[in-house]
Amino acid sequence: MLEEIELNNQYFKRKLNQRERTHSKVPNSNISMIATILGNVSIDELKKVIKKMQQRHPILNTYLKHEEKALFLLANKILEIPLKVIKRISDDQWRDEIIQQHKIPFEMEQGPLIRLILLHSPDISDLIIFCQHTICDGMSLAYLARDIMVYLGDPQKKVELLPPAPLVNEDNIPSDIKPSLVMRIFSKTINKKWEKSELLFNYDDFYALHDVYWNNYTYKAHLYELSKEDTEALVMACHKKGVTVNTALMIAFAIAQNQINPESPKYLQNISFAVNLRDLLNNPAGEQFGFFAGGMQLNFKYSDQNDFWEATKKIHLKTTPNKARKQALVGTLNALALSPTLYEAQIFTAFGALILSTSKSYNKIQAFLSDKKNIVNKIVEKKISKGFAMAQIMTNLGITGFPEKYGDLFLKNLILMPSCSPYTELVLGVVTHRGTLSITLNHMEESISSEKILKIRDRANQILMEAIKGK
């Protein structure tokens, strides 16, 4: 066993749970936060603050290590988080930089699993936080961006250490939550079938997959922002109608997606959004850095007769806090019931055929894919045989409530870029800071063109503006 090393009075070595492990060998499982800062950011001071962040959030010092079938997250030294400084030349430069970062895999077995890029100019800079999804969620990046601003604004401030982060496991799920009946019946059967043909994938396999994945897919992202006035008007309109901004945004984009796709394929009925688990656990996660997100999936059947507010109200009633809580926590328990290695194998079933014959992993993965009795192959092939699986996935961090001023610096804006999938038409990253709502529209160009996505964006904007004005 690898030795546990004390880090800031916290011992850090633990096994990844199934949901964390799902992302550990996925080429596109990276999340980004862009913090636009007014004022002259001192590069030397930023480097000092990064080290302080590694003390405040020990998980920033971690890497991954296999021990037989288990995958551990551990730290045995203070790792240096890379900081790349680039001259800032445009307001949307961050987008192309992040897309390039996705093409550079993390050294998963060396760490760290995070890196920073500063697009710098004397008056305004963009700080990009680029992190592997295994150790973070969107709120983690928002809290980290705020913490960096706090310590940049007050260089003499003593580092406030957080308590050890809670684990997301069966013991930390409230007792009223149980796995779904289907999962209770079939999880043992699925696990037994998987054991008969189980194959372990290492990080050489991951790097081989990562290279061909990014040679075959083109990631694109587009920004949509509402002014303070329009954001306030949308919030007031939603309040008046008794719905949330989250449901209004989902339905505006869902209607737009259906209208831009004249035949409204069946996958457009499937939409999903992220659920923050932090305060839903027995031992709440608070502002810890880690993976504390779940999800809720729902069905939206579009009709030309749909009234926007009526459709939003129907979805709102399906996504009440209690219903979102239950589905997200049940989904977490369902995931914990299955073999951890089964989750890793799914990504190789989905994309393994891309691996070149010159790769050392080629024969191994081809043999795996040719096993038609393999339960993972059956599950994944059924999912992807129909093409798109989802219309949209939305991650909405809500209103941050963060201060604007930090010493001589101002946090002008926060933008979330949650990556995307070839099997989801549109992934939306939403943040509201200083009264301004920003949304990134993320997609794969091979799956749906930028031209079409921009039409969806413009149509969704039209729907929202008409709803705000009562048309």
Protein backbone atom coordinates (compact mmCIF):
# COMPACT_ATOMS: atom_id res chain seq x y z
CA MET A 1 0.00 0.00 0.00
CA LEU A 2 1.12 3.56 -0.64
CA GLU A 3 2.09 5.49 2.45
CA GLU A 4 -0.33 8.09 3.77
CA ILE A 5 1.35 11.46 4.14
CA GLU A 6 0.12 14.24 6.41
CA LEU A 7 -0.81 17.40 4.53
CA ASN A 8 -1.78 20.49 6.51
CA ASN A 9 -2.89 18.26 9.37
CA GLN A 10 -5.06 16.29 6.97
CA TYR A 11 -4.22 12.77 5.80
CA PHE A 12 -5.05 12.41 2.16
CA LYS A 13 -5.43 9.02 0.64
CA ARG A 14 -8.74 7.56 -0.30
CA LYS A 15 -10.39 5.36 -2.87
CA LEU A 16 -12.35 7.10 -5.62
CA ASN A 17 -16.05 6.43 -5.57
CA GLN A 18 -17.79 5.25 -8.72
CA ARG A 19 -19.03 8.69 -9.79
CA GLU A 20 -15.58 10.26 -9.45
CA ARG A 21 -14.04 7.33 -11.26
CA THR A 22 -16.47 7.78 -14.15
CA HIS A 23 -14.49 10.87 -15.18
CA SER A 24 -10.98 9.61 -14.50
CA LYS A 25 -10.31 8.26 -18.01
CA VAL A 26 -12.60 10.44 -20.12
CA PRO A 27 -10.88 12.72 -22.67
CA ASN A 28 -13.45 15.51 -22.35
CA SER A 29 -14.05 15.44 -18.58
CA ASN A 30 -12.53 18.80 -17.73
CA ILE A 31 -14.36 21.86 -16.39
CA SER A 32 -13.28 25.48 -16.70
CA MET A 33 -14.07 28.72 -14.92
CA ILE A 34 -13.09 32.10 -16.32
CA ALA A 35 -12.75 35.00 -13.87
CA THR A 36 -12.45 38.40 -15.55
CA ILE A 37 -10.50 40.75 -13.28
CA LEU A 38 -10.27 44.53 -13.55
CA GLY A 39 -6.97 45.97 -12.34
CA ASN A 40 -3.36 44.92 -12.66
CA VAL A 41 -2.95 41.34 -11.38
CA SER A 42 0.53 40.79 -9.94
CA ILE A 43 1.87 37.56 -11.40
CA ASP A 44 4.27 37.08 -8.47
CA GLU A 45 1.44 37.58 -5.99
CA LEU A 46 -0.80 35.19 -7.92
CA LYS A 47 1.87 32.49 -7.64
CA LYS A 48 1.92 32.98 -3.87
CA VAL A 49 -1.86 32.84 -3.71
CA ILE A 50 -1.90 29.57 -5.66
CA LYS A 51 0.28 27.99 -2.99
CA LYS A 52 -2.12 29.30 -0.35
CA MET A 53 -4.98 27.69 -2.24
CA GLN A 54 -3.14 24.37 -2.09
CA GLN A 55 -3.08 24.73 1.68
CA ARG A 56 -6.75 25.72 1.91
CA HIS A 57 -7.89 23.01 -0.51
CA PRO A 58 -5.57 19.97 -0.11
CA ILE A 59 -7.28 18.09 -2.95
CA LEU A 60 -5.44 20.45 -5.33
CA ASN A 61 -2.26 18.53 -4.43
CA THR A 62 -3.51 15.13 -5.50
CA TYR A 63 -2.96 12.60 -8.26
CA LEU A 64 -4.33 9.14 -9.06
CA LYS A 65 -2.82 5.72 -8.48
CA HIS A 66 -4.03 2.23 -9.32
CA GLU A 67 -3.79 -0.56 -6.75
CA GLU A 68 -5.14 -3.67 -8.44
CA LYS A 69 -8.77 -2.85 -9.30
CA ALA A 70 -9.01 0.16 -7.00
CA LEU A 71 -8.14 3.71 -8.02
CA PHE A 72 -6.87 5.98 -5.27
CA LEU A 73 -6.70 9.72 -4.92
CA LEU A 74 -3.65 10.64 -2.89
CA ALA A 75 -1.04 13.26 -2.12
CA ASN A 76 2.45 12.55 -0.87
CA LYS A 77 4.02 15.90 -1.64
CA ILE A 78 3.11 19.48 -2.39
CA LEU A 79 2.66 19.59 -6.14
CA GLU A 80 3.24 22.77 -8.10
CA ILE A 81 0.13 23.90 -9.97
CA PRO A 82 1.15 25.16 -13.42
CA LEU A 83 0.46 28.82 -14.18
CA LYS A 84 0.72 29.83 -17.81
CA VAL A 85 0.80 33.59 -18.47
CA ILE A 86 -0.25 34.87 -21.91
CA LYS A 87 -0.74 38.41 -23.16
CA ARG A 88 -4.45 39.24 -23.30
CA ILE A 89 -5.40 40.50 -26.74
CA SER A 90 -9.19 40.05 -26.92
CA ASP A 91 -12.29 39.62 -24.77
CA ASP A 92 -13.03 36.11 -26.05
CA GLN A 93 -9.46 34.80 -26.10
CA TRP A 94 -10.29 32.54 -23.13
CA ARG A 95 -12.52 30.37 -25.31
CA ASP A 96 -9.82 29.28 -27.77
CA GLU A 97 -7.30 28.82 -24.95
CA ILE A 98 -9.61 26.46 -23.08
CA ILE A 99 -10.33 24.43 -26.20
CA GLN A 100 -6.57 24.02 -26.68
CA GLN A 101 -6.18 22.98 -23.03
CA HIS A 102 -8.61 20.11 -23.55
CA LYS A 103 -6.21 18.64 -26.09
CA ILE A 104 -3.45 18.41 -23.46
CA PRO A 105 -4.14 15.52 -21.07
CA PHE A 106 -3.38 15.82 -17.39
CA GLU A 107 -0.57 13.61 -16.10
CA MET A 108 -3.08 11.69 -14.01
CA GLU A 109 -0.55 9.54 -12.14
CA GLN A 110 1.71 12.48 -11.36
CA GLY A 111 -0.66 15.37 -10.83
CA PRO A 112 -1.78 17.92 -10.17
CA LEU A 113 -5.21 17.60 -11.75
CA ILE A 114 -5.63 21.34 -12.21
CA ARG A 115 -3.83 24.12 -14.06
CA LEU A 116 -4.25 27.87 -14.37
CA ILE A 117 -3.86 30.24 -17.31
CA LEU A 118 -3.70 34.00 -16.90
CA LEU A 119 -4.57 36.07 -19.95
CA HIS A 120 -2.85 39.21 -18.69
CA SER A 121 -2.94 42.92 -19.45
CA PRO A 122 -2.28 45.92 -17.17
CA ASP A 123 -5.97 46.87 -16.88
CA ILE A 124 -7.94 43.65 -17.34
CA SER A 125 -7.09 39.95 -17.15
CA ASP A 126 -8.87 36.63 -17.51
CA LEU A 127 -7.91 33.92 -15.03
CA ILE A 128 -8.77 30.48 -16.39
CA ILE A 129 -9.13 27.61 -13.92
CA PHE A 130 -8.96 24.34 -15.85
CA CYS A 131 -9.61 21.21 -13.78
CA GLN A 132 -10.23 17.48 -14.16
CA HIS A 133 -13.85 16.61 -13.29
CA THR A 134 -12.73 13.75 -11.03
CA ILE A 135 -11.82 16.25 -8.28
CA CYS A 136 -14.19 19.13 -8.94
CA ASP A 137 -17.60 20.42 -9.91
CA GLY A 138 -18.75 23.82 -11.11
CA MET A 139 -19.28 25.23 -7.61
CA SER A 140 -15.75 24.14 -6.63
CA LEU A 141 -14.33 26.31 -9.38
CA ALA A 142 -16.52 29.25 -8.39
CA TYR A 143 -15.42 29.02 -4.76
CA LEU A 144 -11.78 28.71 -5.82
CA ALA A 145 -12.06 31.77 -8.06
CA ARG A 146 -13.49 33.75 -5.16
CA ASP A 147 -10.82 32.48 -2.75
CA ILE A 148 -8.08 33.50 -5.18
CA MET A 149 -9.58 36.99 -5.37
CA VAL A 150 -9.83 37.23 -1.58
CA TYR A 151 -6.13 36.45 -1.07
CA LEU A 152 -5.04 38.57 -4.03
CA GLY A 153 -6.91 41.47 -2.51
CA ASP A 154 -5.39 40.91 0.94
CA PRO A 155 -1.86 39.46 0.59
CA GLN A 156 -1.34 39.48 4.38
CA LYS A 157 -4.44 37.44 5.10
CA LYS A 158 -3.71 34.21 6.96
CA VAL A 159 -4.77 31.06 5.14
CA GLU A 160 -8.02 29.71 6.55
CA LEU A 161 -7.89 25.92 6.36
CA LEU A 162 -11.09 24.04 5.68
CA PRO A 163 -12.06 20.90 7.60
CA PRO A 164 -11.56 17.54 5.86
CA ALA A 165 -13.97 17.16 2.97
CA PRO A 166 -16.86 14.70 3.50
CA LEU A 167 -17.05 11.57 1.39
CA VAL A 168 -19.91 10.88 -0.97
CA ASN A 169 -20.78 7.33 -0.01
CA GLU A 170 -23.70 5.27 1.30
CA ASP A 171 -23.09 6.48 4.86
CA ASN A 172 -23.38 10.12 3.83
CA ILE A 173 -26.67 9.72 1.91
CA PRO A 174 -29.79 10.48 4.00
CA SER A 175 -31.55 7.33 5.20
CA ASP A 176 -34.82 8.14 3.40
CA ILE A 177 -33.05 7.73 0.04
CA LYS A 178 -32.89 4.21 -1.44
CA PRO A 179 -31.53 2.92 -4.78
CA SER A 180 -34.15 2.54 -7.49
CA LEU A 181 -36.07 -0.74 -7.57
CA VAL A 182 -34.55 -1.62 -10.95
CA MET A 183 -31.04 -1.07 -9.63
CA ARG A 184 -31.74 -3.09 -6.49
CA ILE A 185 -32.87 -6.00 -8.65
CA PHE A 186 -30.27 -5.89 -11.42
CA SER A 187 -27.06 -4.40 -9.94
CA LYS A 188 -25.81 -7.72 -8.59
CA THR A 189 -26.61 -9.45 -11.88
CA ILE A 190 -24.86 -6.76 -13.91
CA ASN A 191 -21.80 -6.86 -11.66
CA LYS A 192 -21.57 -10.66 -11.90
CA LYS A 193 -21.82 -10.57 -15.69
CA TRP A 194 -19.15 -7.86 -15.81
CA GLU A 195 -16.80 -9.93 -13.63
CA LYS A 196 -16.80 -12.68 -16.25
CA SER A 197 -15.34 -10.37 -18.93
CA GLU A 198 -13.90 -7.55 -16.82
CA LEU A 199 -10.98 -5.70 -18.36
CA LEU A 200 -8.90 -3.10 -16.56
CA PHE A 201 -7.81 -0.01 -18.47
CA ASN A 202 -4.68 1.86 -17.47
CA TYR A 203 -3.47 5.37 -18.21
CA ASP A 204 -1.52 4.28 -21.28
CA ASP A 205 -4.90 3.25 -22.69
CA PHE A 206 -6.35 6.61 -21.65
CA TYR A 207 -3.61 8.62 -23.37
CA ALA A 208 -4.06 6.59 -26.55
CA LEU A 209 -7.79 7.29 -26.44
CA HIS A 210 -7.27 10.96 -25.58
CA ASP A 211 -5.13 11.57 -28.67
CA VAL A 212 -7.52 10.05 -31.18
CA TYR A 213 -10.59 11.53 -29.49
CA TRP A 214 -9.35 15.10 -29.97
CA ASN A 215 -8.21 14.28 -33.52
CA ASN A 216 -11.77 13.27 -34.35
CA TYR A 217 -13.88 15.85 -32.53
CA THR A 218 -13.92 19.64 -32.68
CA TYR A 219 -15.07 21.38 -29.50
CA LYS A 220 -16.86 24.70 -29.92
CA ALA A 221 -18.27 27.15 -27.39
CA HIS A 222 -20.32 30.32 -27.75
CA LEU A 223 -21.19 32.96 -25.16
CA TYR A 224 -24.66 34.36 -24.50
CA GLU A 225 -25.03 37.15 -21.93
CA LEU A 226 -28.01 39.01 -20.58
CA SER A 227 -27.56 42.61 -19.49
CA LYS A 228 -28.22 43.51 -15.86
CA GLU A 229 -31.55 44.99 -16.88
CA ASP A 230 -32.63 41.90 -18.82
CA THR A 231 -31.37 39.58 -16.08
CA GLU A 232 -33.37 41.49 -13.48
CA ALA A 233 -36.43 41.49 -15.74
CA LEU A 234 -36.14 37.71 -16.26
CA VAL A 235 -35.83 37.09 -12.52
CA MET A 236 -38.88 39.26 -11.82
CA ALA A 237 -40.92 37.60 -14.58
CA CYS A 238 -40.06 34.12 -13.28
CA HIS A 239 -40.94 35.16 -9.73
CA LYS A 240 -44.27 36.53 -10.92
CA LYS A 241 -45.04 33.29 -12.78
CA GLY A 242 -43.96 31.13 -9.84
CA VAL A 243 -41.10 29.35 -11.63
CA THR A 244 -37.32 29.39 -11.40
CA VAL A 245 -34.88 31.02 -13.79
CA ASN A 246 -33.30 27.58 -14.20
CA THR A 247 -36.51 26.06 -15.62
CA ALA A 248 -37.16 29.11 -17.78
CA LEU A 249 -33.72 28.83 -19.37
CA MET A 250 -34.07 25.09 -19.92
CA ILE A 251 -37.42 25.46 -21.65
CA ALA A 252 -36.36 28.45 -23.75
CA PHE A 253 -33.44 26.47 -25.14
CA ALA A 254 -35.47 23.25 -25.41
CA ILE A 255 -38.16 24.99 -27.47
CA ALA A 256 -35.48 26.66 -29.61
CA GLN A 257 -33.76 23.31 -30.20
CA ASN A 258 -37.03 21.73 -31.32
CA GLN A 259 -37.93 24.65 -33.58
CA ILE A 260 -34.52 24.68 -35.26
CA ASN A 261 -34.84 20.90 -35.78
CA PRO A 262 -38.05 20.72 -37.88
CA GLU A 263 -38.59 16.98 -37.38
CA SER A 264 -38.00 17.21 -33.58
CA PRO A 265 -36.14 13.89 -33.19
CA LYS A 266 -37.00 11.85 -30.10
CA TYR A 267 -33.73 12.67 -28.31
CA LEU A 268 -34.92 16.28 -28.01
CA GLN A 269 -37.36 15.08 -25.36
CA ASN A 270 -34.47 14.34 -22.98
CA ILE A 271 -33.10 17.24 -20.97
CA SER A 272 -31.06 17.23 -17.79
CA PHE A 273 -29.64 19.62 -15.25
CA ALA A 274 -27.02 19.46 -12.52
CA VAL A 275 -28.04 19.31 -8.86
CA ASN A 276 -25.79 20.62 -6.09
CA LEU A 277 -25.44 17.82 -3.49
CA ARG A 278 -23.35 19.85 -1.03
CA ASP A 279 -26.13 20.65 1.41
CA LEU A 280 -28.10 17.45 0.76
CA LEU A 281 -25.59 15.12 2.39
CA ASN A 282 -25.71 14.01 6.03
CA ASN A 283 -22.32 15.64 6.42
CA PRO A 284 -22.63 18.75 4.21
CA ALA A 285 -19.73 19.68 1.93
CA GLY A 286 -20.08 23.44 2.29
CA GLU A 287 -17.43 25.26 0.25
CA GLN A 288 -15.11 22.30 -0.13
CA PHE A 289 -13.32 21.68 -3.42
CA GLY A 290 -14.45 18.33 -4.82
CA PHE A 291 -17.03 16.47 -6.87
CA PHE A 292 -20.37 17.08 -5.12
CA ALA A 293 -22.75 17.23 -8.07
CA GLY A 294 -25.64 15.04 -9.08
CA GLY A 295 -28.19 15.32 -11.83
CA MET A 296 -31.86 15.20 -12.69
CA GLN A 297 -33.21 14.05 -16.04
CA LEU A 298 -36.67 14.89 -17.30
CA ASN A 299 -38.85 14.53 -20.35
CA PHE A 300 -40.03 17.50 -22.42
CA LYS A 301 -42.41 16.81 -25.30
CA TYR A 302 -42.52 19.81 -27.59
CA SER A 303 -45.67 20.95 -29.33
CA ASP A 304 -46.20 23.87 -31.69
CA GLN A 305 -48.99 24.85 -29.34
CA ASN A 306 -46.62 25.21 -26.39
CA ASP A 307 -46.98 28.47 -24.50
CA PHE A 308 -43.59 29.28 -23.00
CA TRP A 309 -44.80 29.99 -19.48
CA GLU A 310 -47.20 27.02 -19.45
CA ALA A 311 -44.40 24.68 -20.54
CA THR A 312 -42.05 26.21 -17.97
CA LYS A 313 -44.64 25.77 -15.22
CA LYS A 314 -45.07 22.07 -16.09
CA ILE A 315 -41.33 21.48 -15.90
CA HIS A 316 -41.09 23.56 -12.73
CA LEU A 317 -43.60 21.24 -11.01
CA LYS A 318 -41.53 18.24 -12.07
CA THR A 319 -38.31 19.74 -10.73
CA THR A 320 -39.22 20.96 -7.26
CA PRO A 321 -36.35 20.94 -4.75
CA ASN A 322 -37.67 17.75 -3.14
CA LYS A 323 -37.96 15.94 -6.48
CA ALA A 324 -34.53 17.12 -7.63
CA ARG A 325 -33.04 16.10 -4.27
CA LYS A 326 -34.52 12.62 -4.46
CA GLN A 327 -33.56 11.90 -8.07
CA ALA A 328 -30.03 13.24 -7.68
CA LEU A 329 -29.36 11.27 -4.50
CA VAL A 330 -30.99 8.10 -5.84
CA GLY A 331 -28.81 8.44 -8.95
CA THR A 332 -25.76 8.68 -6.71
CA LEU A 333 -26.73 5.53 -4.82
CA ASN A 334 -27.45 3.72 -8.09
CA ALA A 335 -23.95 4.55 -9.31
CA LEU A 336 -22.40 3.35 -6.05
CA ALA A 337 -24.10 -0.04 -6.51
CA LEU A 338 -22.20 -0.89 -9.70
CA SER A 339 -18.62 -2.04 -10.19
CA PRO A 340 -16.17 0.91 -10.40
CA THR A 341 -14.28 -0.65 -13.30
CA LEU A 342 -17.53 -0.96 -15.28
CA TYR A 343 -17.75 2.83 -15.50
CA GLU A 344 -14.22 3.17 -16.84
CA ALA A 345 -14.87 0.52 -19.48
CA GLN A 346 -17.86 2.37 -20.93
CA ILE A 347 -15.77 5.17 -22.40
CA PHE A 348 -13.57 2.64 -24.23
CA THR A 349 -16.64 0.93 -25.65
CA ALA A 350 -17.98 4.27 -26.88
CA PHE A 351 -14.75 5.57 -28.45
CA GLY A 352 -12.26 2.70 -28.51
CA ALA A 353 -12.82 2.04 -32.22
CA LEU A 354 -11.04 5.34 -32.92
CA ILE A 355 -7.72 4.04 -31.60
CA LEU A 356 -5.16 3.53 -34.34
CA SER A 357 -3.63 0.16 -35.17
CA THR A 358 -0.20 1.65 -34.42
CA SER A 359 -1.13 2.16 -30.77
CA LYS A 360 0.14 -0.25 -28.10
CA SER A 361 -3.44 -0.36 -26.77
CA TYR A 362 -4.96 -1.32 -30.11
CA ASN A 363 -5.01 -5.12 -29.75
CA LYS A 364 -6.22 -4.96 -26.17
CA ILE A 365 -9.11 -2.62 -26.97
CA GLN A 366 -10.06 -4.38 -30.21
CA ALA A 367 -10.29 -7.68 -28.34
CA PHE A 368 -12.49 -6.00 -25.76
CA LEU A 369 -14.78 -4.46 -28.38
CA SER A 370 -15.15 -7.76 -30.26
CA ASP A 371 -16.51 -9.52 -27.17
CA LYS A 372 -20.22 -9.33 -27.98
CA LYS A 373 -21.16 -11.08 -24.72
CA ASN A 374 -19.56 -8.32 -22.68
CA ILE A 375 -22.28 -6.61 -20.63
CA VAL A 376 -20.63 -3.19 -20.93
CA ASN A 377 -20.51 -3.43 -24.71
CA LYS A 378 -24.18 -4.37 -24.78
CA ILE A 379 -25.18 -1.48 -22.52
CA VAL A 380 -23.18 1.18 -24.35
CA GLU A 381 -23.93 -0.01 -27.89
CA LYS A 382 -27.63 0.14 -27.11
CA LYS A 383 -27.24 3.71 -25.86
CA ILE A 384 -25.25 5.05 -28.78
CA SER A 385 -26.96 3.12 -31.59
CA LYS A 386 -29.59 5.87 -31.79
CA GLY A 387 -27.07 8.71 -32.07
CA PHE A 388 -27.83 11.64 -29.77
CA ALA A 389 -28.94 10.67 -26.28
CA MET A 390 -29.78 14.11 -24.88
CA ALA A 391 -31.01 17.46 -26.15
CA GLN A 392 -29.28 19.45 -23.43
CA ILE A 393 -27.53 19.32 -20.10
CA MET A 394 -27.54 22.50 -18.04
CA THR A 395 -25.28 23.38 -15.13
CA ASN A 396 -26.55 26.54 -13.47
CA LEU A 397 -24.48 27.80 -10.53
CA GLY A 398 -27.10 30.43 -9.79
CA ILE A 399 -26.31 33.82 -8.28
CA THR A 400 -22.83 33.68 -6.77
CA GLY A 401 -23.34 36.43 -4.22
CA PHE A 402 -19.59 37.07 -4.33
CA PRO A 403 -18.24 40.56 -3.65
CA GLU A 404 -17.14 42.75 -6.54
CA LYS A 405 -14.14 44.49 -4.94
CA TYR A 406 -11.02 42.78 -3.55
CA GLY A 407 -8.40 45.33 -2.53
CA ASP A 408 -7.53 47.18 -5.72
CA LEU A 409 -9.01 44.46 -7.92
CA PHE A 410 -12.56 43.97 -9.19
CA LEU A 411 -14.16 40.67 -10.14
CA LYS A 412 -16.01 41.77 -13.25
CA ASN A 413 -17.45 38.46 -14.41
CA LEU A 414 -17.48 34.69 -13.99
CA ILE A 415 -18.05 32.32 -16.89
CA LEU A 416 -18.51 28.54 -16.65
CA MET A 417 -17.40 26.28 -19.50
CA PRO A 418 -18.42 22.71 -18.58
CA SER A 419 -17.18 20.86 -21.72
CA CYS A 420 -19.50 18.77 -23.92
CA SER A 421 -20.17 15.35 -25.43
CA PRO A 422 -20.68 14.09 -29.00
CA TYR A 423 -23.91 12.46 -27.75
CA THR A 424 -25.51 15.56 -26.23
CA GLU A 425 -26.58 18.27 -28.64
CA LEU A 426 -26.00 21.19 -26.28
CA VAL A 427 -24.32 21.65 -22.89
CA LEU A 428 -25.09 24.91 -21.10
CA GLY A 429 -22.93 26.49 -18.39
CA VAL A 430 -24.72 29.25 -16.46
CA VAL A 431 -23.48 31.74 -13.84
CA THR A 432 -24.94 34.99 -12.55
CA HIS A 433 -22.43 37.46 -11.08
CA ARG A 434 -22.96 41.15 -10.32
CA GLY A 435 -26.46 40.90 -11.74
CA THR A 436 -25.31 39.67 -15.15
CA LEU A 437 -26.30 36.20 -16.36
CA SER A 438 -23.81 34.50 -18.66
CA ILE A 439 -24.30 31.23 -20.53
CA THR A 440 -21.81 29.22 -22.55
CA LEU A 441 -23.23 27.00 -25.28
CA ASN A 442 -20.90 23.99 -25.65
CA HIS A 443 -21.07 21.42 -28.44
CA MET A 444 -19.10 19.22 -30.82
CA GLU A 445 -18.98 20.59 -34.36
CA GLU A 446 -19.18 17.09 -35.86
CA SER A 447 -22.45 16.49 -33.99
CA ILE A 448 -24.12 19.85 -34.60
CA SER A 449 -22.74 22.85 -36.46
CA SER A 450 -21.94 26.22 -34.92
CA GLU A 451 -24.32 27.75 -37.45
CA LYS A 452 -27.18 25.72 -36.01
CA ILE A 453 -26.17 26.34 -32.40
CA LEU A 454 -26.11 30.09 -33.01
CA LYS A 455 -29.62 29.87 -34.47
CA ILE A 456 -30.71 28.04 -31.32
CA ARG A 457 -29.07 30.73 -29.17
CA ASP A 458 -30.78 33.55 -31.06
CA ARG A 459 -34.16 31.82 -30.98
CA ALA A 460 -33.86 31.13 -27.23
CA ASN A 461 -33.01 34.78 -26.70
CA GLN A 462 -36.09 35.82 -28.70
CA ILE A 463 -38.27 33.50 -26.62
CA LEU A 464 -36.91 34.92 -23.36
CA MET A 465 -37.22 38.55 -24.44
CA GLU A 466 -40.81 38.03 -25.59
CA ALA A 467 -41.63 36.30 -22.30
CA ILE A 468 -40.11 39.13 -20.29
CA LYS A 469 -42.13 41.71 -22.23
CA GLY A 470 -45.30 39.68 -21.92
CA LYS A 471 -45.76 38.97 -25.61
